Protein backbone atom coordinates (compact mmCIF):
# COMPACT_ATOMS: atom_id res chain seq x y z
CA MET A 1 19.93 -3.51 -0.24
CA ASN A 2 20.12 -0.74 -3.03
CA VAL A 3 15.86 0.70 -3.34
CA ARG A 4 17.08 3.01 -6.30
CA VAL A 5 15.40 6.71 -6.04
CA VAL A 6 14.63 7.07 -9.88
CA ASP A 7 13.33 10.39 -11.32
CA TYR A 8 10.02 9.86 -13.21
CA ARG A 9 11.13 12.04 -15.93
CA ALA A 10 14.57 10.76 -16.87
CA ALA A 11 14.69 8.68 -20.38
CA ASP A 12 15.62 5.70 -18.75
CA ALA A 13 13.30 5.82 -15.61
CA ALA A 14 11.26 2.71 -16.34
CA ALA A 15 14.81 0.52 -16.79
CA GLN A 16 16.15 1.77 -13.55
CA PHE A 17 12.68 1.72 -11.65
CA THR A 18 11.77 -1.92 -13.14
CA ARG A 19 15.65 -2.77 -11.91
CA SER A 20 15.07 -1.49 -8.31
CA LEU A 21 11.69 -3.53 -8.34
CA HIS A 22 13.02 -6.89 -9.42
CA GLU A 23 16.38 -6.54 -7.37
CA THR A 24 14.52 -5.22 -3.63
CA GLY A 25 10.70 -5.48 -4.09
CA PHE A 26 10.61 -1.47 -3.76
CA GLY A 27 11.42 1.51 -5.76
CA VAL A 28 11.28 5.54 -4.84
CA LEU A 29 10.12 7.73 -7.49
CA VAL A 30 10.79 12.04 -7.55
CA ASN A 31 9.48 14.12 -9.90
CA HIS A 32 6.16 12.36 -10.36
CA PRO A 33 2.46 13.84 -11.47
CA ILE A 34 0.79 13.63 -7.79
CA PRO A 35 0.67 17.00 -6.35
CA GLN A 36 2.27 17.22 -3.09
CA GLN A 37 -0.37 19.82 -2.11
CA LEU A 38 -3.00 17.37 -2.69
CA VAL A 39 -1.61 14.89 -0.98
CA GLU A 40 -0.62 17.47 2.10
CA SER A 41 -4.55 18.64 2.07
CA ILE A 42 -5.78 14.88 2.47
CA TYR A 43 -3.45 14.43 5.30
CA ARG A 44 -4.66 17.57 7.16
CA ASP A 45 -8.62 16.77 6.49
CA TRP A 46 -8.36 13.26 7.38
CA LEU A 47 -6.59 13.77 10.64
CA ALA A 48 -9.31 15.74 11.72
CA PHE A 49 -11.59 13.58 10.91
CA PHE A 50 -10.02 10.13 12.50
CA ASP A 51 -10.16 12.62 15.73
CA SER A 52 -13.76 13.33 15.01
CA GLU A 53 -16.61 11.29 16.05
CA GLN A 54 -17.88 11.56 12.85
CA LYS A 55 -15.84 8.24 11.99
CA HIS A 56 -18.09 5.83 13.54
CA ASP A 57 -20.65 6.97 11.23
CA TYR A 58 -19.16 4.91 8.49
CA ALA A 59 -18.04 1.76 10.40
CA PHE A 60 -16.58 -0.92 8.44
CA SER A 61 -18.61 -3.40 6.21
CA VAL A 62 -17.48 -6.91 6.28
CA GLU A 63 -18.92 -7.66 3.17
CA LYS A 64 -17.55 -5.16 1.43
CA GLN A 65 -14.56 -4.21 3.29
CA ASP A 66 -15.20 -0.20 2.83
CA GLY A 67 -15.51 2.42 5.47
CA TYR A 68 -13.92 3.13 8.76
CA PHE A 69 -11.49 0.48 10.70
CA SER A 70 -10.83 1.22 14.49
CA THR A 71 -7.97 0.83 16.28
CA ALA A 72 -9.44 -2.28 17.72
CA ILE A 73 -10.60 -4.33 14.92
CA SER A 74 -7.14 -3.26 13.17
CA GLU A 75 -5.18 -5.72 11.20
CA THR A 76 -3.21 -8.16 13.04
CA ALA A 77 -0.55 -9.34 10.39
CA LYS A 78 0.28 -12.82 9.10
CA GLY A 79 2.48 -14.32 12.01
CA ALA A 80 2.15 -11.41 14.32
CA THR A 81 0.75 -12.14 17.54
CA GLN A 82 -0.60 -8.12 18.41
CA LYS A 83 -2.86 -5.85 16.15
CA ASP A 84 -1.40 -2.61 14.66
CA ILE A 85 -1.42 0.33 16.08
CA LYS A 86 -3.52 2.00 13.49
CA GLU A 87 -6.79 2.82 12.35
CA TYR A 88 -7.73 3.13 8.79
CA PHE A 89 -10.38 4.14 6.05
CA HIS A 90 -11.03 2.50 2.80
CA VAL A 91 -12.15 4.32 0.11
CA TYR A 92 -13.24 3.37 -3.30
CA PRO A 93 -15.20 4.89 -5.94
CA TRP A 94 -18.54 2.70 -5.00
CA GLY A 95 -17.75 3.38 -1.73
CA ARG A 96 -19.05 5.33 1.27
CA ILE A 97 -16.70 8.65 1.65
CA PRO A 98 -17.57 11.53 3.68
CA ALA A 99 -18.70 14.29 1.51
CA GLN A 100 -16.37 17.13 2.85
CA LEU A 101 -13.69 14.55 2.16
CA LYS A 102 -14.75 12.67 -1.27
CA ALA A 103 -13.53 15.30 -3.74
CA ASP A 104 -9.71 15.55 -2.98
CA ALA A 105 -9.82 11.72 -2.11
CA MET A 106 -11.33 10.59 -5.45
CA GLN A 107 -8.63 13.44 -7.25
CA TYR A 108 -6.07 11.44 -5.73
CA TYR A 109 -7.79 8.22 -6.02
CA ASP A 110 -7.94 8.75 -10.01
CA THR A 111 -4.58 10.37 -10.35
CA ALA A 112 -2.76 7.69 -8.10
CA ASN A 113 -4.55 4.80 -10.24
CA ALA A 114 -3.58 6.43 -13.54
CA LEU A 115 0.09 6.30 -12.44
CA ALA A 116 0.03 2.71 -11.20
CA ALA A 117 -1.62 1.47 -14.29
CA GLU A 118 1.04 3.35 -16.03
CA LEU A 119 3.93 1.58 -13.59
CA LEU A 120 2.51 -1.77 -14.13
CA GLY A 121 3.07 -1.04 -17.86
CA TRP A 122 6.81 -0.17 -16.93
CA VAL A 123 7.00 -4.05 -15.12
CA GLU A 124 5.07 -5.46 -18.27
CA GLN A 125 7.68 -4.15 -20.51
CA TYR A 126 10.89 -5.03 -18.64
CA THR A 127 9.92 -8.18 -17.81
CA PRO A 128 11.80 -10.77 -19.32
CA PRO A 129 10.27 -13.34 -21.74
CA ALA A 130 10.47 -16.11 -19.98
CA ILE A 131 8.75 -14.67 -16.52
CA ALA A 132 6.23 -12.80 -18.46
CA ALA A 133 5.05 -16.21 -20.64
CA ASN A 134 3.85 -17.87 -17.22
CA TYR A 135 1.30 -14.60 -16.77
CA SER A 136 -2.17 -15.70 -17.65
CA GLU A 137 -2.70 -12.30 -19.53
CA PRO A 138 -0.70 -8.95 -19.73
CA LEU A 139 -0.17 -7.48 -16.75
CA SER A 140 -2.15 -3.99 -18.07
CA GLY A 141 -5.06 -6.89 -18.55
CA MET A 142 -5.17 -7.80 -15.50
CA ILE A 143 -6.47 -4.57 -14.03
CA LYS A 144 -8.76 -3.65 -16.64
CA GLY A 145 -12.49 -3.23 -15.26
CA SER A 146 -11.59 -3.91 -11.65
CA ASN A 147 -13.27 -2.54 -9.20
CA LYS A 148 -11.26 -3.59 -6.09
CA THR A 149 -8.09 -1.31 -6.12
CA LEU A 150 -8.00 0.68 -3.02
CA LEU A 151 -7.02 3.68 -1.40
CA ARG A 152 -6.31 3.38 2.24
CA VAL A 153 -6.10 6.43 5.04
CA LEU A 154 -4.16 5.52 7.56
CA ARG A 155 -3.87 6.95 10.83
CA TYR A 156 -1.26 5.46 13.38
CA PRO A 157 -2.14 7.74 16.70
CA PRO A 158 0.08 9.03 19.27
CA LEU A 159 1.70 6.15 21.16
CA THR A 160 0.67 6.22 24.81
CA GLY A 161 2.92 4.07 26.20
CA ASP A 162 -0.06 1.47 27.52
CA GLU A 163 0.94 -0.70 23.91
CA PRO A 164 0.80 -4.44 24.37
CA ALA A 165 4.19 -5.19 24.39
CA GLY A 166 5.70 -6.00 20.99
CA SER A 167 3.36 -4.61 19.28
CA LEU A 168 4.46 -2.07 16.38
CA ARG A 169 2.04 0.68 14.48
CA ALA A 170 2.47 -1.87 11.04
CA ALA A 171 4.38 -5.28 11.69
CA ALA A 172 6.41 -6.77 9.37
CA HIS A 173 4.17 -7.91 6.51
CA GLY A 174 3.96 -7.88 2.09
CA ASP A 175 1.46 -6.56 0.71
CA ILE A 176 -1.59 -8.20 -0.82
CA ASN A 177 -2.26 -6.86 -4.33
CA LEU A 178 0.17 -5.78 -7.45
CA LEU A 179 1.90 -2.66 -6.70
CA THR A 180 1.46 -0.42 -3.83
CA ILE A 181 1.70 3.73 -4.67
CA LEU A 182 2.87 5.53 -0.86
CA PRO A 183 3.64 9.43 -1.01
CA ALA A 184 6.12 9.78 1.72
CA ALA A 185 4.35 9.89 4.88
CA ASN A 186 4.12 12.89 7.05
CA GLU A 187 6.28 11.32 9.86
CA PRO A 188 9.11 8.57 9.48
CA GLY A 189 9.17 4.79 10.36
CA LEU A 190 8.62 2.75 7.43
CA GLN A 191 11.40 -0.20 7.18
CA VAL A 192 12.07 -2.44 4.54
CA GLN A 193 13.74 -6.26 5.36
CA ASP A 194 17.01 -6.97 3.05
CA MET A 195 17.91 -10.43 2.14
CA ASP A 196 19.93 -10.68 5.60
CA GLY A 197 16.88 -10.36 7.56
CA ASN A 198 18.30 -6.67 8.34
CA TRP A 199 15.79 -3.79 8.19
CA ILE A 200 16.99 -0.81 6.29
CA ASP A 201 15.08 2.34 6.44
CA VAL A 202 13.30 3.55 3.22
CA PRO A 203 14.07 6.88 1.66
CA CYS A 204 10.70 8.65 2.22
CA ASP A 205 11.52 12.39 2.16
CA PHE A 206 8.52 14.33 1.77
CA GLY A 207 7.15 14.47 -2.19
CA MET A 208 9.07 11.34 -2.83
CA LEU A 209 6.69 8.47 -4.12
CA ILE A 210 7.21 4.60 -2.69
CA ILE A 211 6.27 1.61 -5.30
CA ASN A 212 6.53 -1.73 -4.08
CA ILE A 213 5.49 -5.20 -5.26
CA GLY A 214 2.69 -6.87 -3.71
CA ASP A 215 1.97 -10.88 -3.18
CA MET A 216 -0.23 -11.14 -6.08
CA LEU A 217 2.34 -9.86 -8.80
CA GLN A 218 5.52 -11.88 -7.01
CA GLU A 219 2.89 -14.89 -7.29
CA ALA A 220 2.24 -13.96 -10.69
CA SER A 221 5.92 -13.49 -11.67
CA GLN A 222 6.79 -16.60 -9.91
CA GLY A 223 9.00 -14.73 -7.71
CA TYR A 224 10.78 -12.36 -10.16
CA TYR A 225 9.40 -9.70 -8.31
CA PRO A 226 9.83 -9.98 -4.57
CA SER A 227 7.07 -8.72 -2.55
CA THR A 228 9.82 -7.92 0.08
CA GLN A 229 8.64 -7.88 3.75
CA HIS A 230 8.20 -4.07 5.58
CA ARG A 231 6.86 -2.46 8.78
CA VAL A 232 5.90 1.02 10.22
CA VAL A 233 8.10 0.82 13.57
CA ASN A 234 7.05 2.98 16.45
CA PRO A 235 8.66 6.46 16.92
CA THR A 236 10.71 7.47 20.03
CA GLY A 237 10.86 10.91 21.36
CA ASP A 238 9.42 13.72 20.51
CA GLY A 239 8.01 11.37 17.27
CA ALA A 240 5.83 9.40 20.01
CA SER A 241 3.63 12.06 20.60
CA LYS A 242 2.68 12.55 16.89
CA SER A 243 -0.02 10.99 14.12
CA ARG A 244 1.60 9.39 11.21
CA VAL A 245 -0.46 9.81 8.06
CA SER A 246 -0.20 7.30 5.51
CA LEU A 247 -2.10 7.15 1.80
CA PRO A 248 -1.29 3.50 0.27
CA LEU A 249 -3.03 2.88 -3.20
CA PHE A 250 -3.22 -0.75 -3.79
CA LEU A 251 -3.43 -1.96 -7.72
CA HIS A 252 -5.74 -4.75 -7.60
CA PRO A 253 -6.95 -7.29 -10.60
CA ARG A 254 -10.08 -8.37 -11.18
CA ASP A 255 -11.39 -11.36 -9.05
CA GLU A 256 -11.16 -13.58 -12.05
CA VAL A 257 -7.40 -13.10 -13.13
CA VAL A 258 -5.40 -16.12 -12.81
CA LEU A 259 -2.29 -15.85 -11.23
CA SER A 260 -0.92 -19.19 -11.05
CA ALA A 261 -2.26 -22.42 -11.09
CA ARG A 262 -2.89 -22.22 -6.91
CA TYR A 263 -4.75 -19.02 -7.15
CA SER A 264 -7.21 -16.37 -8.82
CA ALA A 265 -6.68 -12.99 -7.54
CA GLY A 266 -10.51 -13.35 -5.62
CA ALA A 267 -9.29 -16.59 -3.84
CA TYR A 268 -5.80 -15.14 -2.56
CA LEU A 269 -7.25 -11.94 -1.49
CA ASP A 270 -10.59 -13.56 0.44
CA GLU A 271 -7.71 -16.01 2.26
CA ARG A 272 -5.37 -13.12 2.96
CA LEU A 273 -8.54 -11.10 4.22
CA ARG A 274 -9.42 -14.10 6.69
CA GLU A 275 -5.73 -14.50 7.71
CA LEU A 276 -5.69 -10.29 8.54
CA GLY A 277 -8.66 -11.13 11.24
CA VAL A 278 -11.05 -8.59 8.87
CA LYS A 279 -13.07 -11.21 7.09
CA THR A 280 -14.76 -14.63 8.97
C-alpha cells in the first residue's frame, strides 16, 4: 500500500493527493497551512483538562452528541466486542467548550475546516465524470450550511495492564463522514489495513497531516473513494506509560444531503451512532 506523502504547495498536489485517496483511502500532507505550534498548544492544554475533574462538568449530551465522553461510555467499534481505550471531547461551534480552551479550539476548528473544504474541492475536481454523475450535488455543495462538522479531542490514557483482553486504543473502524483531517499525534500507533488484510503504519512524523476517506464519501462515490479500515494499536515498553492525544476533524455534510439511493447523510449518521453505542 502506497500512502503518498504530498507537499501541499506542489504544483501537482491536488492530483497526487486525490490519487492516493482513490488508491488507499489515505493521503498525507506536508507544508500544509495548519500551524504546528497551535496543534502542540492544544495537545498540552487538553491533556491537562483530561487530567482534571473539570471534564465531568461537560458530560456528553445524548441528543446533541457534544461534550465529554468518558472511557466508561467510549465507542465500541462496529464488529468489535470491547470498548475502545479512550476518552474524548466533542467540539462544535454551537456546543459547550471549556472557557480556557475555547479560543485555540475554535482557531483550529476554523483553520482545519477551511482546509478540509479545500481538499474536498480537490477530490471533486479529480473525480472521474462517470463517478461524479452519481453525486446528488457537487461535493463542495454538500457541506454548505452544515453544522455537523466535528472536532474531536481524543486522549488515549496510559495503559494499566488491567485492560480487557483484546481491547485496543481504537479498534479497526471506518470513519462516518466525508473526509477526516488529522494532525500527527504526539505518539505513534495509527495503522491502516491494505487490500490483503495486512496492517501498515501510517506515516506520522510530527507536523504531518493525515487525511482519510469516510464512509459517507465511499457511499456517495459508489466505492471509488474507499473508506479504509484503520486502528490505533496499544503501545509497548515506555510508550505504554504515556498518554496519546489526537485531534481529528470530521467533515460532515448537511443532514438532508442524499448520499445514495439507500441513505441521506442524517439517516446514515444516526444509524452509525447507534451501532457505536453512543446513541439509543
